[in-house]
Amino acid sequence: MTSGTRPRRRRLEPAERRAEILAAARHLFGAGSYASVSTSDIAAAAGVARPLINHYFGGKRELYLEVVRQMMIVPAPVTEALPDTTMEQRLAIGVERWIEVVDRNRDAWLTVIGPESAGRDPEIERIMLEADEIAADRVLEAALMTGVTEGREQLRAMIRSFGGMLRAASREWLIRGTLERAELRTFLTDSILNLLKLTYPAVLAERRGSAGRTPPASSRSSA
């Protein structure tokens, strides 16, 4: 190849080409910010013509939202094919797999959970809410608790809240450096186990106790 000759683009299936564009965008948004990255930058990094970005994603904003979705939604492999063993072991494996995903994509992860994204855009907020619901499904699957019915909404609410703590803990690991990776794994695994084995039963007991209590006389007379 002579100097100045552009590399020939490889022929890829549409799904592979789309994945390459996503990977390039994930890297660039992670290294910079939404405002600092252009579609030309992404096209050059992915080795494609810029119109292909519009073809596959519709534009820069839609591509960025897809990067956010890809990073925030707990991927199925985190809880797929877990061994047929105890809740404790399954959750520990799931947490380790999640940490591995974040570690491989740390810059992009920090970008999508950073102040530029969080709480500023209704579409990003919608993705966050969707991600929390999927995370609750994944945790219940890993914990062998998909069939839980009593207090299910309260349980899912607590798992969604755990997701907020998980994001904060990842910043302690990746930004502040106050937690080592192994410490983060122990913290997250023990926290979700305590939530499921101690806090959830305590909430159920509280609900049952509240249901059996006689309301005060003033409340009865006002009914």
Protein backbone atom coordinates (compact mmCIF):
# COMPACT_ATOMS: atom_id res chain seq x y z
CA MET A 1 0.00 0.00 0.00
CA THR A 2 1.48 3.37 -1.01
CA SER A 3 1.73 6.33 1.32
CA GLY A 4 -1.53 8.24 1.55
CA THR A 5 -3.62 5.38 0.24
CA ARG A 6 -6.73 4.87 2.35
CA PRO A 7 -7.22 1.35 3.72
CA ARG A 8 -9.82 -0.67 1.89
CA ARG A 9 -12.98 -1.12 3.91
CA ARG A 10 -13.75 -4.66 4.89
CA ARG A 11 -17.00 -6.22 3.82
CA LEU A 12 -19.07 -6.93 6.91
CA GLU A 13 -22.57 -8.10 7.58
CA PRO A 14 -24.91 -5.25 8.68
CA ALA A 15 -24.94 -6.46 12.30
CA GLU A 16 -21.14 -6.58 12.39
CA ARG A 17 -20.82 -3.13 10.82
CA ARG A 18 -23.33 -1.73 13.29
CA ALA A 19 -21.39 -3.29 16.16
CA GLU A 20 -18.16 -1.72 14.90
CA ILE A 21 -19.77 1.73 14.77
CA LEU A 22 -21.11 1.24 18.29
CA ALA A 23 -17.71 0.17 19.58
CA ALA A 24 -16.06 3.23 18.01
CA ALA A 25 -18.72 5.54 19.44
CA ARG A 26 -18.43 3.94 22.88
CA HIS A 27 -14.68 4.53 22.87
CA LEU A 28 -14.88 8.13 21.65
CA PHE A 29 -17.72 9.20 23.94
CA GLY A 30 -15.85 7.59 26.81
CA ALA A 31 -12.65 9.46 25.97
CA GLY A 32 -14.44 12.78 25.45
CA SER A 33 -18.02 13.91 25.76
CA TYR A 34 -21.16 14.11 23.67
CA ALA A 35 -20.39 17.66 22.59
CA SER A 36 -16.74 17.00 21.73
CA VAL A 37 -17.36 13.99 19.47
CA SER A 38 -18.63 14.42 15.91
CA THR A 39 -20.16 11.92 13.54
CA SER A 40 -17.08 12.43 11.35
CA ASP A 41 -14.89 11.35 14.29
CA ILE A 42 -16.98 8.23 14.80
CA ALA A 43 -17.04 7.39 11.11
CA ALA A 44 -13.26 7.72 10.87
CA ALA A 45 -12.71 5.57 13.97
CA ALA A 46 -15.08 2.90 12.67
CA GLY A 47 -13.64 3.02 9.14
CA VAL A 48 -16.99 3.80 7.51
CA ALA A 49 -18.52 6.60 5.49
CA ARG A 50 -20.42 9.09 7.62
CA PRO A 51 -23.78 8.41 5.91
CA LEU A 52 -23.62 4.86 7.30
CA ILE A 53 -24.04 6.27 10.81
CA ASN A 54 -27.30 7.86 9.74
CA HIS A 55 -28.28 4.67 7.98
CA TYR A 56 -27.81 2.46 11.03
CA PHE A 57 -28.69 4.86 13.84
CA GLY A 58 -30.36 7.98 12.44
CA GLY A 59 -27.70 10.40 13.66
CA LYS A 60 -25.30 11.28 16.44
CA ARG A 61 -27.93 11.66 19.16
CA GLU A 62 -29.56 8.33 18.40
CA LEU A 63 -26.15 6.68 18.35
CA TYR A 64 -25.28 8.23 21.72
CA LEU A 65 -28.56 7.02 23.21
CA GLU A 66 -27.77 3.51 21.95
CA VAL A 67 -24.36 3.69 23.63
CA VAL A 68 -26.07 4.73 26.87
CA ARG A 69 -28.55 1.86 26.53
CA GLN A 70 -25.78 -0.63 25.78
CA MET A 71 -23.79 0.44 28.84
CA MET A 72 -26.64 0.85 31.33
CA ILE A 73 -28.72 -2.26 30.68
CA VAL A 74 -27.26 -5.27 32.46
CA PRO A 75 -26.32 -7.60 29.60
CA ALA A 76 -27.96 -11.00 29.55
CA PRO A 77 -24.60 -12.85 29.75
CA VAL A 78 -24.19 -11.52 33.30
CA THR A 79 -26.88 -13.94 34.47
CA GLU A 80 -27.04 -16.43 31.60
CA ALA A 81 -25.81 -19.98 32.13
CA LEU A 82 -25.16 -19.52 35.82
CA PRO A 83 -24.31 -22.82 37.52
CA ASP A 84 -27.04 -24.77 39.25
CA THR A 85 -25.79 -23.93 42.71
CA THR A 86 -26.63 -21.71 45.68
CA MET A 87 -28.00 -18.19 45.56
CA GLU A 88 -24.81 -16.92 47.15
CA GLN A 89 -22.55 -18.43 44.48
CA ARG A 90 -24.79 -17.40 41.60
CA LEU A 91 -24.96 -13.79 42.78
CA ALA A 92 -21.21 -13.68 43.39
CA ILE A 93 -20.61 -14.86 39.81
CA GLY A 94 -23.11 -12.36 38.44
CA VAL A 95 -21.47 -9.48 40.31
CA GLU A 96 -18.02 -10.51 39.06
CA ARG A 97 -19.29 -10.68 35.48
CA TRP A 98 -20.84 -7.20 35.81
CA ILE A 99 -17.59 -5.78 37.19
CA GLU A 100 -15.73 -7.31 34.24
CA VAL A 101 -18.09 -5.60 31.77
CA VAL A 102 -17.59 -2.23 33.49
CA ASP A 103 -13.81 -2.73 33.69
CA ARG A 104 -13.60 -3.40 29.95
CA ASN A 105 -15.63 -0.27 29.19
CA ARG A 106 -14.72 1.95 32.13
CA ASP A 107 -14.47 5.25 30.23
CA ALA A 108 -17.80 4.79 28.49
CA TRP A 109 -19.42 3.64 31.75
CA LEU A 110 -18.25 6.73 33.62
CA THR A 111 -19.48 8.94 30.78
CA VAL A 112 -23.00 7.54 30.74
CA ILE A 113 -23.41 7.66 34.54
CA GLY A 114 -21.79 11.10 34.81
CA PRO A 115 -23.53 14.45 35.39
CA GLU A 116 -23.74 15.19 31.65
CA SER A 117 -26.18 12.29 31.24
CA ALA A 118 -27.90 11.76 34.56
CA GLY A 119 -31.16 13.55 35.18
CA ARG A 120 -30.82 16.01 32.27
CA ASP A 121 -32.53 14.31 29.35
CA PRO A 122 -35.94 12.61 29.41
CA GLU A 123 -34.83 9.98 26.90
CA ILE A 124 -31.77 9.12 28.96
CA GLU A 125 -33.96 9.04 32.07
CA ARG A 126 -36.26 6.59 30.28
CA ILE A 127 -33.28 4.37 29.42
CA MET A 128 -32.17 4.50 33.08
CA LEU A 129 -35.63 3.45 34.25
CA GLU A 130 -35.71 0.62 31.72
CA ALA A 131 -32.23 -0.44 32.81
CA ASP A 132 -33.33 -0.55 36.46
CA GLU A 133 -36.29 -2.80 35.61
CA ILE A 134 -34.12 -5.18 33.58
CA ALA A 135 -31.52 -5.22 36.37
CA ALA A 136 -34.25 -6.24 38.82
CA ASP A 137 -35.21 -9.10 36.50
CA ARG A 138 -31.57 -10.19 36.24
CA VAL A 139 -31.04 -10.14 40.01
CA LEU A 140 -34.20 -12.16 40.68
CA GLU A 141 -33.13 -14.65 38.02
CA ALA A 142 -29.66 -15.02 39.51
CA ALA A 143 -31.11 -15.37 43.01
CA LEU A 144 -33.64 -18.02 41.91
CA MET A 145 -36.44 -15.73 43.07
CA THR A 146 -38.37 -15.12 39.85
CA GLY A 147 -41.44 -16.79 41.35
CA VAL A 148 -41.70 -14.44 44.35
CA THR A 149 -45.18 -12.91 44.64
CA GLU A 150 -45.56 -11.55 48.18
CA GLY A 151 -44.08 -8.09 48.44
CA ARG A 152 -42.81 -8.38 44.88
CA GLU A 153 -43.14 -4.68 44.06
CA GLN A 154 -41.36 -3.71 47.29
CA LEU A 155 -38.60 -6.21 46.50
CA ARG A 156 -38.16 -4.83 43.00
CA ALA A 157 -38.08 -1.29 44.42
CA MET A 158 -35.27 -2.26 46.78
CA ILE A 159 -33.30 -3.91 43.96
CA ARG A 160 -33.73 -0.79 41.82
CA SER A 161 -32.42 1.26 44.72
CA PHE A 162 -29.45 -1.10 44.98
CA GLY A 163 -28.72 -0.17 41.36
CA GLY A 164 -28.18 3.45 42.41
CA MET A 165 -25.76 2.34 45.10
CA LEU A 166 -23.99 0.11 42.60
CA ARG A 167 -23.36 3.08 40.30
CA ALA A 168 -22.04 5.16 43.20
CA ALA A 169 -19.77 2.29 44.29
CA SER A 170 -18.36 2.01 40.78
CA ARG A 171 -17.31 5.67 40.98
CA GLU A 172 -15.53 4.95 44.28
CA TRP A 173 -13.62 2.21 42.47
CA LEU A 174 -12.91 3.90 39.15
CA ILE A 175 -12.59 7.58 40.08
CA ARG A 176 -11.75 7.94 43.76
CA GLY A 177 -9.77 4.72 44.01
CA THR A 178 -11.13 4.15 47.51
CA LEU A 179 -12.23 0.59 46.70
CA GLU A 180 -10.13 -2.08 45.07
CA ARG A 181 -11.83 -4.37 42.58
CA ALA A 182 -11.93 -7.30 45.04
CA GLU A 183 -13.31 -5.02 47.76
CA LEU A 184 -15.99 -3.76 45.39
CA ARG A 185 -16.97 -7.33 44.55
CA THR A 186 -17.30 -8.24 48.23
CA PHE A 187 -19.23 -5.06 49.02
CA LEU A 188 -21.74 -5.51 46.19
CA THR A 189 -22.19 -9.25 46.70
CA ASP A 190 -22.73 -8.94 50.46
CA SER A 191 -25.05 -5.95 50.00
CA ILE A 192 -27.38 -7.70 47.56
CA LEU A 193 -27.36 -10.87 49.66
CA ASN A 194 -28.27 -8.91 52.79
CA LEU A 195 -31.03 -7.16 50.87
CA LEU A 196 -32.54 -10.44 49.70
CA LYS A 197 -31.99 -12.56 52.82
CA LEU A 198 -32.44 -10.02 55.63
CA THR A 199 -33.98 -6.75 54.47
CA TYR A 200 -36.67 -8.23 52.23
CA PRO A 201 -37.97 -10.62 54.92
CA ALA A 202 -37.95 -7.74 57.43
CA VAL A 203 -40.03 -5.62 55.04
CA LEU A 204 -42.45 -8.52 54.60
CA ALA A 205 -42.76 -8.85 58.38
CA GLU A 206 -43.42 -5.12 58.66
CA ARG A 207 -46.15 -5.31 56.01
CA ARG A 208 -47.79 -8.27 57.72
CA GLY A 209 -47.62 -6.50 61.07
CA SER A 210 -49.11 -3.33 59.62
CA ALA A 211 -51.96 -5.29 58.06
CA GLY A 212 -52.84 -6.84 61.43
CA ARG A 213 -52.75 -3.66 63.49
CA THR A 214 -55.98 -2.06 64.70
CA PRO A 215 -56.18 1.57 63.54
CA PRO A 216 -56.39 4.28 66.26
CA ALA A 217 -59.83 5.23 67.52
CA SER A 218 -59.65 8.62 65.82
CA SER A 219 -59.03 6.91 62.50
CA ARG A 220 -61.99 4.53 63.03
CA SER A 221 -64.35 7.34 63.91
CA SER A 222 -63.35 9.39 60.87
CA ALA A 223 -63.85 6.52 58.44
